[in-house]
Amino acid sequence: MRHLDAELEDLVGMRKGGDRDTALWVARQTVDVAVEAYLHGLGNTDPVRKWQVRYLEALEPSERHDRLREDYWRLAMPGHAAALRDGGDAWHGYVEEVIALANRVAAWVQG
């Protein structure tokens, strides 16, 4: 949770400061950290990131788990990645969505 909190703090500052490229990189990392925190909160303490997707997919179907899986894939592999770096403001929306995901997961983990 401390790692997730640090990523969120960085993202908010980067977004406010207009640091697009760094914010996009950190946002992508935050998606993984959020899933890692969620799985850890469920008792899965395997630190090997390559298995996160497998553990995420193995969760029993539920509204929360299904939403997390959907959000993970949408934010981890955005189909509009090139548009995020085009010099416009699209990256702000992506960063805001990642911040929302991370905040939601933090609330779930912390109960």
PDB file of N, CA and C in Angstrom:
ATOM      1  N   MET A   1       0.821  -1.191   0.000  1.00  0.00           N
ATOM      2  CA  MET A   1       0.000   0.000   0.000  1.00  0.00           C
ATOM      3  C   MET A   1       0.867   1.257   0.000  1.00  0.00           C
ATOM      4  N   ARG A   2       2.014   1.179   0.664  1.00  0.00           N
ATOM      5  CA  ARG A   2       2.903   2.352   0.647  1.00  0.00           C
ATOM      6  C   ARG A   2       3.418   2.631  -0.756  1.00  0.00           C
ATOM      7  N   HIS A   3       3.712   1.567  -1.482  1.00  0.00           N
ATOM      8  CA  HIS A   3       4.178   1.726  -2.864  1.00  0.00           C
ATOM      9  C   HIS A   3       3.069   2.341  -3.715  1.00  0.00           C
ATOM     10  N   LEU A   4       1.850   1.852  -3.555  1.00  0.00           N
ATOM     11  CA  LEU A   4       0.726   2.385  -4.313  1.00  0.00           C
ATOM     12  C   LEU A   4       0.491   3.852  -3.964  1.00  0.00           C
ATOM     13  N   ASP A   5       0.569   4.176  -2.693  1.00  0.00           N
ATOM     14  CA  ASP A   5       0.396   5.563  -2.251  1.00  0.00           C
ATOM     15  C   ASP A   5       1.470   6.465  -2.861  1.00  0.00           C
ATOM     16  N   ALA A   6       2.694   5.990  -2.901  1.00  0.00           N
ATOM     17  CA  ALA A   6       3.783   6.788  -3.486  1.00  0.00           C
ATOM     18  C   ALA A   6       3.555   7.009  -4.981  1.00  0.00           C
ATOM     19  N   GLU A   7       3.100   5.977  -5.672  1.00  0.00           N
ATOM     20  CA  GLU A   7       2.817   6.109  -7.110  1.00  0.00           C
ATOM     21  C   GLU A   7       1.705   7.133  -7.334  1.00  0.00           C
ATOM     22  N   LEU A   8       0.664   7.081  -6.515  1.00  0.00           N
ATOM     23  CA  LEU A   8      -0.440   8.030  -6.645  1.00  0.00           C
ATOM     24  C   LEU A   8       0.028   9.463  -6.423  1.00  0.00           C
ATOM     25  N   GLU A   9       0.834   9.644  -5.397  1.00  0.00           N
ATOM     26  CA  GLU A   9       1.352  10.983  -5.114  1.00  0.00           C
ATOM     27  C   GLU A   9       2.157  11.513  -6.295  1.00  0.00           C
ATOM     28  N   ASP A  10       2.995  10.659  -6.858  1.00  0.00           N
ATOM     29  CA  ASP A  10       3.779  11.057  -8.026  1.00  0.00           C
ATOM     30  C   ASP A  10       2.880  11.410  -9.209  1.00  0.00           C
ATOM     31  N   LEU A  11       1.882  10.571  -9.458  1.00  0.00           N
ATOM     32  CA  LEU A  11       0.991  10.801 -10.597  1.00  0.00           C
ATOM     33  C   LEU A  11       0.249  12.124 -10.490  1.00  0.00           C
ATOM     34  N   VAL A  12      -0.251  12.407  -9.316  1.00  0.00           N
ATOM     35  CA  VAL A  12      -0.980  13.667  -9.130  1.00  0.00           C
ATOM     36  C   VAL A  12      -0.054  14.853  -9.408  1.00  0.00           C
ATOM     37  N   GLY A  13       1.159  14.796  -8.890  1.00  0.00           N
ATOM     38  CA  GLY A  13       2.115  15.873  -9.120  1.00  0.00           C
ATOM     39  C   GLY A  13       2.522  15.999 -10.575  1.00  0.00           C
ATOM     40  N   MET A  14       2.758  14.875 -11.234  1.00  0.00           N
ATOM     41  CA  MET A  14       3.150  14.905 -12.638  1.00  0.00           C
ATOM     42  C   MET A  14       2.029  15.439 -13.512  1.00  0.00           C
ATOM     43  N   ARG A  15       0.809  15.044 -13.193  1.00  0.00           N
ATOM     44  CA  ARG A  15      -0.338  15.527 -13.957  1.00  0.00           C
ATOM     45  C   ARG A  15      -0.485  17.037 -13.795  1.00  0.00           C
ATOM     46  N   LYS A  16      -0.404  17.501 -12.572  1.00  0.00           N
ATOM     47  CA  LYS A  16      -0.518  18.940 -12.317  1.00  0.00           C
ATOM     48  C   LYS A  16       0.628  19.716 -12.955  1.00  0.00           C
ATOM     49  N   GLY A  17       1.816  19.108 -12.968  1.00  0.00           N
ATOM     50  CA  GLY A  17       2.983  19.776 -13.529  1.00  0.00           C
ATOM     51  C   GLY A  17       3.116  19.640 -15.034  1.00  0.00           C
ATOM     52  N   GLY A  18       2.231  18.859 -15.656  1.00  0.00           N
ATOM     53  CA  GLY A  18       2.262  18.708 -17.108  1.00  0.00           C
ATOM     54  C   GLY A  18       3.366  17.797 -17.622  1.00  0.00           C
ATOM     55  N   ASP A  19       3.901  16.935 -16.771  1.00  0.00           N
ATOM     56  CA  ASP A  19       4.982  16.032 -17.160  1.00  0.00           C
ATOM     57  C   ASP A  19       4.398  14.769 -17.795  1.00  0.00           C
ATOM     58  N   ARG A  20       3.934  14.917 -19.036  1.00  0.00           N
ATOM     59  CA  ARG A  20       3.201  13.871 -19.732  1.00  0.00           C
ATOM     60  C   ARG A  20       3.926  12.542 -19.808  1.00  0.00           C
ATOM     61  N   ASP A  21       5.132  12.528 -20.348  1.00  0.00           N
ATOM     62  CA  ASP A  21       5.812  11.250 -20.601  1.00  0.00           C
ATOM     63  C   ASP A  21       6.092  10.489 -19.309  1.00  0.00           C
ATOM     64  N   THR A  22       6.554  11.179 -18.305  1.00  0.00           N
ATOM     65  CA  THR A  22       6.827  10.512 -17.036  1.00  0.00           C
ATOM     66  C   THR A  22       5.525  10.041 -16.396  1.00  0.00           C
ATOM     67  N   ALA A  23       4.476  10.855 -16.484  1.00  0.00           N
ATOM     68  CA  ALA A  23       3.178  10.468 -15.917  1.00  0.00           C
ATOM     69  C   ALA A  23       2.634   9.226 -16.604  1.00  0.00           C
ATOM     70  N   LEU A  24       2.783   9.131 -17.910  1.00  0.00           N
ATOM     71  CA  LEU A  24       2.306   7.942 -18.624  1.00  0.00           C
ATOM     72  C   LEU A  24       3.074   6.705 -18.183  1.00  0.00           C
ATOM     73  N   TRP A  25       4.375   6.833 -18.031  1.00  0.00           N
ATOM     74  CA  TRP A  25       5.193   5.696 -17.601  1.00  0.00           C
ATOM     75  C   TRP A  25       4.793   5.269 -16.188  1.00  0.00           C
ATOM     76  N   VAL A  26       4.670   6.231 -15.280  1.00  0.00           N
ATOM     77  CA  VAL A  26       4.309   5.915 -13.897  1.00  0.00           C
ATOM     78  C   VAL A  26       2.878   5.373 -13.830  1.00  0.00           C
ATOM     79  N   ALA A  27       1.978   5.916 -14.639  1.00  0.00           N
ATOM     80  CA  ALA A  27       0.594   5.421 -14.651  1.00  0.00           C
ATOM     81  C   ALA A  27       0.561   3.948 -15.025  1.00  0.00           C
ATOM     82  N   ARG A  28       1.324   3.585 -16.038  1.00  0.00           N
ATOM     83  CA  ARG A  28       1.358   2.178 -16.450  1.00  0.00           C
ATOM     84  C   ARG A  28       1.888   1.288 -15.321  1.00  0.00           C
ATOM     85  N   GLN A  29       2.906   1.756 -14.602  1.00  0.00           N
ATOM     86  CA  GLN A  29       3.445   0.996 -13.471  1.00  0.00           C
ATOM     87  C   GLN A  29       2.417   0.912 -12.342  1.00  0.00           C
ATOM     88  N   THR A  30       1.653   1.971 -12.165  1.00  0.00           N
ATOM     89  CA  THR A  30       0.657   2.025 -11.093  1.00  0.00           C
ATOM     90  C   THR A  30      -0.435   0.980 -11.289  1.00  0.00           C
ATOM     91  N   VAL A  31      -0.777   0.699 -12.542  1.00  0.00           N
ATOM     92  CA  VAL A  31      -1.776  -0.339 -12.816  1.00  0.00           C
ATOM     93  C   VAL A  31      -1.300  -1.667 -12.227  1.00  0.00           C
ATOM     94  N   ASP A  32      -0.049  -2.014 -12.451  1.00  0.00           N
ATOM     95  CA  ASP A  32       0.497  -3.261 -11.905  1.00  0.00           C
ATOM     96  C   ASP A  32       0.591  -3.227 -10.389  1.00  0.00           C
ATOM     97  N   VAL A  33       1.009  -2.103  -9.834  1.00  0.00           N
ATOM     98  CA  VAL A  33       1.136  -1.984  -8.382  1.00  0.00           C
ATOM     99  C   VAL A  33      -0.242  -2.121  -7.729  1.00  0.00           C
ATOM    100  N   ALA A  34      -1.278  -1.552  -8.354  1.00  0.00           N
ATOM    101  CA  ALA A  34      -2.631  -1.666  -7.805  1.00  0.00           C
ATOM    102  C   ALA A  34      -3.080  -3.122  -7.753  1.00  0.00           C
ATOM    103  N   VAL A  35      -2.834  -3.861  -8.833  1.00  0.00           N
ATOM    104  CA  VAL A  35      -3.213  -5.281  -8.855  1.00  0.00           C
ATOM    105  C   VAL A  35      -2.398  -6.054  -7.827  1.00  0.00           C
ATOM    106  N   GLU A  36      -1.126  -5.749  -7.725  1.00  0.00           N
ATOM    107  CA  GLU A  36      -0.272  -6.415  -6.739  1.00  0.00           C
ATOM    108  C   GLU A  36      -0.793  -6.168  -5.320  1.00  0.00           C
ATOM    109  N   ALA A  37      -1.170  -4.933  -5.022  1.00  0.00           N
ATOM    110  CA  ALA A  37      -1.700  -4.600  -3.693  1.00  0.00           C
ATOM    111  C   ALA A  37      -3.013  -5.344  -3.435  1.00  0.00           C
ATOM    112  N   TYR A  38      -3.857  -5.411  -4.443  1.00  0.00           N
ATOM    113  CA  TYR A  38      -5.137  -6.096  -4.293  1.00  0.00           C
ATOM    114  C   TYR A  38      -4.923  -7.584  -4.012  1.00  0.00           C
ATOM    115  N   LEU A  39      -4.081  -8.211  -4.813  1.00  0.00           N
ATOM    116  CA  LEU A  39      -3.820  -9.642  -4.617  1.00  0.00           C
ATOM    117  C   LEU A  39      -3.185  -9.893  -3.257  1.00  0.00           C
ATOM    118  N   HIS A  40      -2.286  -9.021  -2.849  1.00  0.00           N
ATOM    119  CA  HIS A  40      -1.648  -9.162  -1.543  1.00  0.00           C
ATOM    120  C   HIS A  40      -2.695  -9.044  -0.431  1.00  0.00           C
ATOM    121  N   GLY A  41      -3.634  -8.115  -0.600  1.00  0.00           N
ATOM    122  CA  GLY A  41      -4.707  -7.956   0.374  1.00  0.00           C
ATOM    123  C   GLY A  41      -5.583  -9.190   0.485  1.00  0.00           C
ATOM    124  N   LEU A  42      -5.616  -9.991  -0.578  1.00  0.00           N
ATOM    125  CA  LEU A  42      -6.374 -11.247  -0.564  1.00  0.00           C
ATOM    126  C   LEU A  42      -5.535 -12.415  -0.054  1.00  0.00           C
ATOM    127  N   GLY A  43      -4.288 -12.141   0.294  1.00  0.00           N
ATOM    128  CA  GLY A  43      -3.433 -13.186   0.855  1.00  0.00           C
ATOM    129  C   GLY A  43      -2.393 -13.742  -0.096  1.00  0.00           C
ATOM    130  N   ASN A  44      -2.368 -13.287  -1.332  1.00  0.00           N
ATOM    131  CA  ASN A  44      -1.386 -13.776  -2.293  1.00  0.00           C
ATOM    132  C   ASN A  44      -0.133 -12.908  -2.182  1.00  0.00           C
ATOM    133  N   THR A  45       0.915 -13.461  -1.621  1.00  0.00           N
ATOM    134  CA  THR A  45       2.139 -12.692  -1.388  1.00  0.00           C
ATOM    135  C   THR A  45       3.269 -13.073  -2.340  1.00  0.00           C
ATOM    136  N   ASP A  46       2.949 -13.759  -3.419  1.00  0.00           N
ATOM    137  CA  ASP A  46       3.959 -14.121  -4.407  1.00  0.00           C
ATOM    138  C   ASP A  46       4.484 -12.828  -5.050  1.00  0.00           C
ATOM    139  N   PRO A  47       5.779 -12.527  -4.885  1.00  0.00           N
ATOM    140  CA  PRO A  47       6.309 -11.264  -5.406  1.00  0.00           C
ATOM    141  C   PRO A  47       6.640 -11.295  -6.902  1.00  0.00           C
ATOM    142  N   VAL A  48       6.478 -12.421  -7.546  1.00  0.00           N
ATOM    143  CA  VAL A  48       6.860 -12.554  -8.954  1.00  0.00           C
ATOM    144  C   VAL A  48       5.746 -11.980  -9.835  1.00  0.00           C
ATOM    145  N   ARG A  49       6.043 -10.844 -10.454  1.00  0.00           N
ATOM    146  CA  ARG A  49       5.024 -10.123 -11.230  1.00  0.00           C
ATOM    147  C   ARG A  49       4.499 -10.898 -12.431  1.00  0.00           C
ATOM    148  N   LYS A  50       5.320 -11.774 -12.995  1.00  0.00           N
ATOM    149  CA  LYS A  50       4.869 -12.456 -14.207  1.00  0.00           C
ATOM    150  C   LYS A  50       3.633 -13.319 -13.963  1.00  0.00           C
ATOM    151  N   TRP A  51       3.347 -13.656 -12.711  1.00  0.00           N
ATOM    152  CA  TRP A  51       2.193 -14.487 -12.396  1.00  0.00           C
ATOM    153  C   TRP A  51       0.963 -13.675 -12.005  1.00  0.00           C
ATOM    154  N   GLN A  52       1.090 -12.366 -11.917  1.00  0.00           N
ATOM    155  CA  GLN A  52      -0.042 -11.547 -11.491  1.00  0.00           C
ATOM    156  C   GLN A  52      -1.282 -11.758 -12.346  1.00  0.00           C
ATOM    157  N   VAL A  53      -1.107 -11.803 -13.641  1.00  0.00           N
ATOM    158  CA  VAL A  53      -2.247 -11.961 -14.531  1.00  0.00           C
ATOM    159  C   VAL A  53      -2.925 -13.299 -14.283  1.00  0.00           C
ATOM    160  N   ARG A  54      -2.143 -14.328 -14.065  1.00  0.00           N
ATOM    161  CA  ARG A  54      -2.715 -15.649 -13.789  1.00  0.00           C
ATOM    162  C   ARG A  54      -3.519 -15.625 -12.486  1.00  0.00           C
ATOM    163  N   TYR A  55      -2.958 -14.997 -11.454  1.00  0.00           N
ATOM    164  CA  TYR A  55      -3.670 -14.895 -10.171  1.00  0.00           C
ATOM    165  C   TYR A  55      -4.931 -14.046 -10.308  1.00  0.00           C
ATOM    166  N   LEU A  56      -4.844 -12.995 -11.076  1.00  0.00           N
ATOM    167  CA  LEU A  56      -5.996 -12.131 -11.292  1.00  0.00           C
ATOM    168  C   LEU A  56      -7.109 -12.898 -12.011  1.00  0.00           C
ATOM    169  N   GLU A  57      -6.749 -13.642 -13.018  1.00  0.00           N
ATOM    170  CA  GLU A  57      -7.734 -14.427 -13.766  1.00  0.00           C
ATOM    171  C   GLU A  57      -8.319 -15.563 -12.940  1.00  0.00           C
ATOM    172  N   ALA A  58      -7.580 -16.057 -11.945  1.00  0.00           N
ATOM    173  CA  ALA A  58      -8.043 -17.175 -11.114  1.00  0.00           C
ATOM    174  C   ALA A  58      -9.026 -16.746 -10.023  1.00  0.00           C
ATOM    175  N   LEU A  59      -9.195 -15.453  -9.819  1.00  0.00           N
ATOM    176  CA  LEU A  59     -10.148 -14.997  -8.800  1.00  0.00           C
ATOM    177  C   LEU A  59     -11.561 -15.432  -9.169  1.00  0.00           C
ATOM    178  N   GLU A  60     -12.314 -15.823  -8.163  1.00  0.00           N
ATOM    179  CA  GLU A  60     -13.704 -16.217  -8.389  1.00  0.00           C
ATOM    180  C   GLU A  60     -14.479 -15.049  -8.993  1.00  0.00           C
ATOM    181  N   PRO A  61     -15.409 -15.343  -9.873  1.00  0.00           N
ATOM    182  CA  PRO A  61     -16.213 -14.260 -10.447  1.00  0.00           C
ATOM    183  C   PRO A  61     -16.976 -13.507  -9.348  1.00  0.00           C
ATOM    184  N   SER A  62     -16.884 -12.215  -9.396  1.00  0.00           N
ATOM    185  CA  SER A  62     -17.643 -11.333  -8.506  1.00  0.00           C
ATOM    186  C   SER A  62     -17.639  -9.965  -9.157  1.00  0.00           C
ATOM    187  N   GLU A  63     -18.512  -9.093  -8.706  1.00  0.00           N
ATOM    188  CA  GLU A  63     -18.569  -7.758  -9.299  1.00  0.00           C
ATOM    189  C   GLU A  63     -17.226  -7.050  -9.170  1.00  0.00           C
ATOM    190  N   ARG A  64     -16.607  -7.134  -8.002  1.00  0.00           N
ATOM    191  CA  ARG A  64     -15.330  -6.457  -7.758  1.00  0.00           C
ATOM    192  C   ARG A  64     -14.201  -7.078  -8.576  1.00  0.00           C
ATOM    193  N   HIS A  65     -14.087  -8.391  -8.543  1.00  0.00           N
ATOM    194  CA  HIS A  65     -13.013  -9.052  -9.281  1.00  0.00           C
ATOM    195  C   HIS A  65     -13.168  -8.838 -10.785  1.00  0.00           C
ATOM    196  N   ASP A  66     -14.396  -8.942 -11.264  1.00  0.00           N
ATOM    197  CA  ASP A  66     -14.641  -8.747 -12.697  1.00  0.00           C
ATOM    198  C   ASP A  66     -14.287  -7.325 -13.124  1.00  0.00           C
ATOM    199  N   ARG A  67     -14.647  -6.356 -12.293  1.00  0.00           N
ATOM    200  CA  ARG A  67     -14.325  -4.956 -12.620  1.00  0.00           C
ATOM    201  C   ARG A  67     -12.824  -4.741 -12.630  1.00  0.00           C
ATOM    202  N   LEU A  68     -12.124  -5.307 -11.651  1.00  0.00           N
ATOM    203  CA  LEU A  68     -10.675  -5.150 -11.596  1.00  0.00           C
ATOM    204  C   LEU A  68     -10.018  -5.771 -12.823  1.00  0.00           C
ATOM    205  N   ARG A  69     -10.455  -6.968 -13.215  1.00  0.00           N
ATOM    206  CA  ARG A  69      -9.893  -7.605 -14.419  1.00  0.00           C
ATOM    207  C   ARG A  69     -10.124  -6.732 -15.652  1.00  0.00           C
ATOM    208  N   GLU A  70     -11.338  -6.223 -15.791  1.00  0.00           N
ATOM    209  CA  GLU A  70     -11.663  -5.377 -16.940  1.00  0.00           C
ATOM    210  C   GLU A  70     -10.815  -4.106 -16.936  1.00  0.00           C
ATOM    211  N   ASP A  71     -10.737  -3.448 -15.788  1.00  0.00           N
ATOM    212  CA  ASP A  71      -9.940  -2.225 -15.685  1.00  0.00           C
ATOM    213  C   ASP A  71      -8.464  -2.509 -15.923  1.00  0.00           C
ATOM    214  N   TYR A  72      -7.972  -3.620 -15.410  1.00  0.00           N
ATOM    215  CA  TYR A  72      -6.562  -3.958 -15.591  1.00  0.00           C
ATOM    216  C   TYR A  72      -6.211  -4.020 -17.077  1.00  0.00           C
ATOM    217  N   TRP A  73      -6.955  -4.804 -17.830  1.00  0.00           N
ATOM    218  CA  TRP A  73      -6.616  -4.978 -19.242  1.00  0.00           C
ATOM    219  C   TRP A  73      -6.825  -3.694 -20.042  1.00  0.00           C
ATOM    220  N   ARG A  74      -7.842  -2.942 -19.703  1.00  0.00           N
ATOM    221  CA  ARG A  74      -8.110  -1.684 -20.418  1.00  0.00           C
ATOM    222  C   ARG A  74      -6.999  -0.668 -20.177  1.00  0.00           C
ATOM    223  N   LEU A  75      -6.515  -0.598 -18.933  1.00  0.00           N
ATOM    224  CA  LEU A  75      -5.502   0.398 -18.604  1.00  0.00           C
ATOM    225  C   LEU A  75      -4.070  -0.101 -18.822  1.00  0.00           C
ATOM    226  N   ALA A  76      -3.864  -1.402 -18.739  1.00  0.00           N
ATOM    227  CA  ALA A  76      -2.520  -1.945 -18.939  1.00  0.00           C
ATOM    228  C   ALA A  76      -2.132  -1.963 -20.413  1.00  0.00           C
ATOM    229  N   MET A  77      -3.100  -2.134 -21.282  1.00  0.00           N
ATOM    230  CA  MET A  77      -2.832  -2.227 -22.712  1.00  0.00           C
ATOM    231  C   MET A  77      -3.762  -1.308 -23.488  1.00  0.00           C
ATOM    232  N   PRO A  78      -3.668   0.002 -23.258  1.00  0.00           N
ATOM    233  CA  PRO A  78      -4.604   0.899 -23.945  1.00  0.00           C
ATOM    234  C   PRO A  78      -4.402   0.851 -25.456  1.00  0.00           C
ATOM    235  N   GLY A  79      -5.492   0.682 -26.171  1.00  0.00           N
ATOM    236  CA  GLY A  79      -5.428   0.622 -27.623  1.00  0.00           C
ATOM    237  C   GLY A  79      -5.090   1.963 -28.251  1.00  0.00           C
ATOM    238  N   HIS A  80      -5.142   2.995 -27.477  1.00  0.00           N
ATOM    239  CA  HIS A  80      -4.890   4.342 -27.986  1.00  0.00           C
ATOM    240  C   HIS A  80      -3.560   4.891 -27.452  1.00  0.00           C
ATOM    241  N   ALA A  81      -2.611   4.015 -27.200  1.00  0.00           N
ATOM    242  CA  ALA A  81      -1.346   4.413 -26.571  1.00  0.00           C
ATOM    243  C   ALA A  81      -0.634   5.527 -27.355  1.00  0.00           C
ATOM    244  N   ALA A  82      -0.617   5.434 -28.666  1.00  0.00           N
ATOM    245  CA  ALA A  82       0.071   6.460 -29.454  1.00  0.00           C
ATOM    246  C   ALA A  82      -0.604   7.820 -29.296  1.00  0.00           C
ATOM    247  N   ALA A  83      -1.918   7.826 -29.189  1.00  0.00           N
ATOM    248  CA  ALA A  83      -2.651   9.084 -29.039  1.00  0.00           C
ATOM    249  C   ALA A  83      -2.353   9.754 -27.702  1.00  0.00           C
ATOM    250  N   LEU A  84      -1.951   8.952 -26.715  1.00  0.00           N
ATOM    251  CA  LEU A  84      -1.639   9.516 -25.404  1.00  0.00           C
ATOM    252  C   LEU A  84      -0.401  10.411 -25.459  1.00  0.00           C
ATOM    253  N   ARG A  85       0.453  10.178 -26.429  1.00  0.00           N
ATOM    254  CA  ARG A  85       1.696  10.948 -26.533  1.00  0.00           C
ATOM    255  C   ARG A  85       1.681  11.945 -27.680  1.00  0.00           C
ATOM    256  N   ASP A  86       0.536  12.213 -28.247  1.00  0.00           N
ATOM    257  CA  ASP A  86       0.471  13.051 -29.446  1.00  0.00           C
ATOM    258  C   ASP A  86       0.627  14.545 -29.182  1.00  0.00           C
ATOM    259  N   GLY A  87       0.839  14.926 -27.952  1.00  0.00           N
ATOM    260  CA  GLY A  87       0.996  16.336 -27.640  1.00  0.00           C
ATOM    261  C   GLY A  87      -0.292  16.988 -27.185  1.00  0.00           C
ATOM    262  N   GLY A  88      -1.410  16.280 -27.306  1.00  0.00           N
ATOM    263  CA  GLY A  88      -2.686  16.814 -26.839  1.00  0.00           C
ATOM    264  C   GLY A  88      -2.892  16.520 -25.357  1.00  0.00           C
ATOM    265  N   ASP A  89      -4.120  16.632 -24.954  1.00  0.00           N
ATOM    266  CA  ASP A  89      -4.450  16.437 -23.542  1.00  0.00           C
ATOM    267  C   ASP A  89      -5.040  15.072 -23.230  1.00  0.00           C
ATOM    268  N   ALA A  90      -5.047  14.133 -24.171  1.00  0.00           N
ATOM    269  CA  ALA A  90      -5.634  12.809 -23.931  1.00  0.00           C
ATOM    270  C   ALA A  90      -4.966  12.088 -22.765  1.00  0.00           C
ATOM    271  N   TRP A  91      -3.702  12.350 -22.555  1.00  0.00           N
ATOM    272  CA  TRP A  91      -2.980  11.657 -21.487  1.00  0.00           C
ATOM    273  C   TRP A  91      -3.557  11.984 -20.114  1.00  0.00           C
ATOM    274  N   HIS A  92      -4.124  13.168 -19.947  1.00  0.00           N
ATOM    275  CA  HIS A  92      -4.728  13.541 -18.662  1.00  0.00           C
ATOM    276  C   HIS A  92      -5.840  12.560 -18.284  1.00  0.00           C
ATOM    277  N   GLY A  93      -6.677  12.211 -19.238  1.00  0.00           N
ATOM    278  CA  GLY A  93      -7.778  11.278 -18.977  1.00  0.00           C
ATOM    279  C   GLY A  93      -7.287   9.907 -18.568  1.00  0.00           C
ATOM    280  N   TYR A  94      -6.253   9.425 -19.244  1.00  0.00           N
ATOM    281  CA  TYR A  94      -5.674   8.121 -18.902  1.00  0.00           C
ATOM    282  C   TYR A  94      -5.121   8.135 -17.485  1.00  0.00           C
ATOM    283  N   VAL A  95      -4.361   9.174 -17.159  1.00  0.00           N
ATOM    284  CA  VAL A  95      -3.784   9.288 -15.811  1.00  0.00           C
ATOM    285  C   VAL A  95      -4.899   9.375 -14.774  1.00  0.00           C
ATOM    286  N   GLU A  96      -5.945  10.111 -15.058  1.00  0.00           N
ATOM    287  CA  GLU A  96      -7.073  10.209 -14.123  1.00  0.00           C
ATOM    288  C   GLU A  96      -7.740   8.858 -13.911  1.00  0.00           C
ATOM    289  N   GLU A  97      -7.879   8.066 -14.970  1.00  0.00           N
ATOM    290  CA  GLU A  97      -8.469   6.733 -14.832  1.00  0.00           C
ATOM    291  C   GLU A  97      -7.591   5.821 -13.978  1.00  0.00           C
ATOM    292  N   VAL A  98      -6.279   5.916 -14.166  1.00  0.00           N
ATOM    293  CA  VAL A  98      -5.362   5.102 -13.358  1.00  0.00           C
ATOM    294  C   VAL A  98      -5.431   5.539 -11.896  1.00  0.00           C
ATOM    295  N   ILE A  99      -5.495   6.829 -11.653  1.00  0.00           N
ATOM    296  CA  ILE A  99      -5.622   7.331 -10.282  1.00  0.00           C
ATOM    297  C   ILE A  99      -6.916   6.797  -9.662  1.00  0.00           C
ATOM    298  N   ALA A 100      -8.001   6.819 -10.409  1.00  0.00           N
ATOM    299  CA  ALA A 100      -9.280   6.308  -9.900  1.00  0.00           C
ATOM    300  C   ALA A 100      -9.189   4.824  -9.581  1.00  0.00           C
ATOM    301  N   LEU A 101      -8.556   4.048 -10.471  1.00  0.00           N
ATOM    302  CA  LEU A 101      -8.366   2.620 -10.215  1.00  0.00           C
ATOM    303  C   LEU A 101      -7.557   2.403  -8.944  1.00  0.00           C
ATOM    304  N   ALA A 102      -6.457   3.107  -8.821  1.00  0.00           N
ATOM    305  CA  ALA A 102      -5.592   2.926  -7.657  1.00  0.00           C
ATOM    306  C   ALA A 102      -6.314   3.314  -6.367  1.00  0.00           C
ATOM    307  N   ASN A 103      -7.072   4.387  -6.396  1.00  0.00           N
ATOM    308  CA  ASN A 103      -7.835   4.789  -5.211  1.00  0.00           C
ATOM    309  C   ASN A 103      -8.903   3.757  -4.856  1.00  0.00           C
ATOM    310  N   ARG A 104      -9.571   3.219  -5.866  1.00  0.00           N
ATOM    311  CA  ARG A 104     -10.599   2.198  -5.637  1.00  0.00           C
ATOM    312  C   ARG A 104      -9.977   0.951  -5.023  1.00  0.00           C
ATOM    313  N   VAL A 105      -8.852   0.503  -5.579  1.00  0.00           N
ATOM    314  CA  VAL A 105      -8.176  -0.685  -5.051  1.00  0.00           C
ATOM    315  C   VAL A 105      -7.689  -0.431  -3.629  1.00  0.00           C
ATOM    316  N   ALA A 106      -7.144   0.739  -3.379  1.00  0.00           N
ATOM    317  CA  ALA A 106      -6.679   1.060  -2.021  1.00  0.00           C
ATOM    318  C   ALA A 106      -7.841   0.975  -1.035  1.00  0.00           C
ATOM    319  N   ALA A 107      -9.001   1.465  -1.413  1.00  0.00           N
ATOM    320  CA  ALA A 107     -10.175   1.385  -0.532  1.00  0.00           C
ATOM    321  C   ALA A 107     -10.599  -0.063  -0.315  1.00  0.00           C
ATOM    322  N   TRP A 108     -10.550  -0.878  -1.366  1.00  0.00           N
ATOM    323  CA  TRP A 108     -10.911  -2.287  -1.230  1.00  0.00           C
ATOM    324  C   TRP A 108      -9.941  -3.002  -0.297  1.00  0.00           C
ATOM    325  N   VAL A 109      -8.665  -2.769  -0.494  1.00  0.00           N
ATOM    326  CA  VAL A 109      -7.646  -3.471   0.299  1.00  0.00           C
ATOM    327  C   VAL A 109      -7.707  -3.052   1.761  1.00  0.00           C
ATOM    328  N   GLN A 110      -7.913  -1.794   1.992  1.00  0.00           N
ATOM    329  CA  GLN A 110      -7.907  -1.291   3.358  1.00  0.00           C
ATOM    330  C   GLN A 110      -9.253  -1.466   4.052  1.00  0.00           C
ATOM    331  N   GLY A 111     -10.225  -1.996   3.307  1.00  0.00           N
ATOM    332  CA  GLY A 111     -11.508  -2.344   3.896  1.00  0.00           C
ATOM    333  C   GLY A 111     -12.414  -1.216   4.068  1.00  0.00           C
TER     334      GLY A 111
END
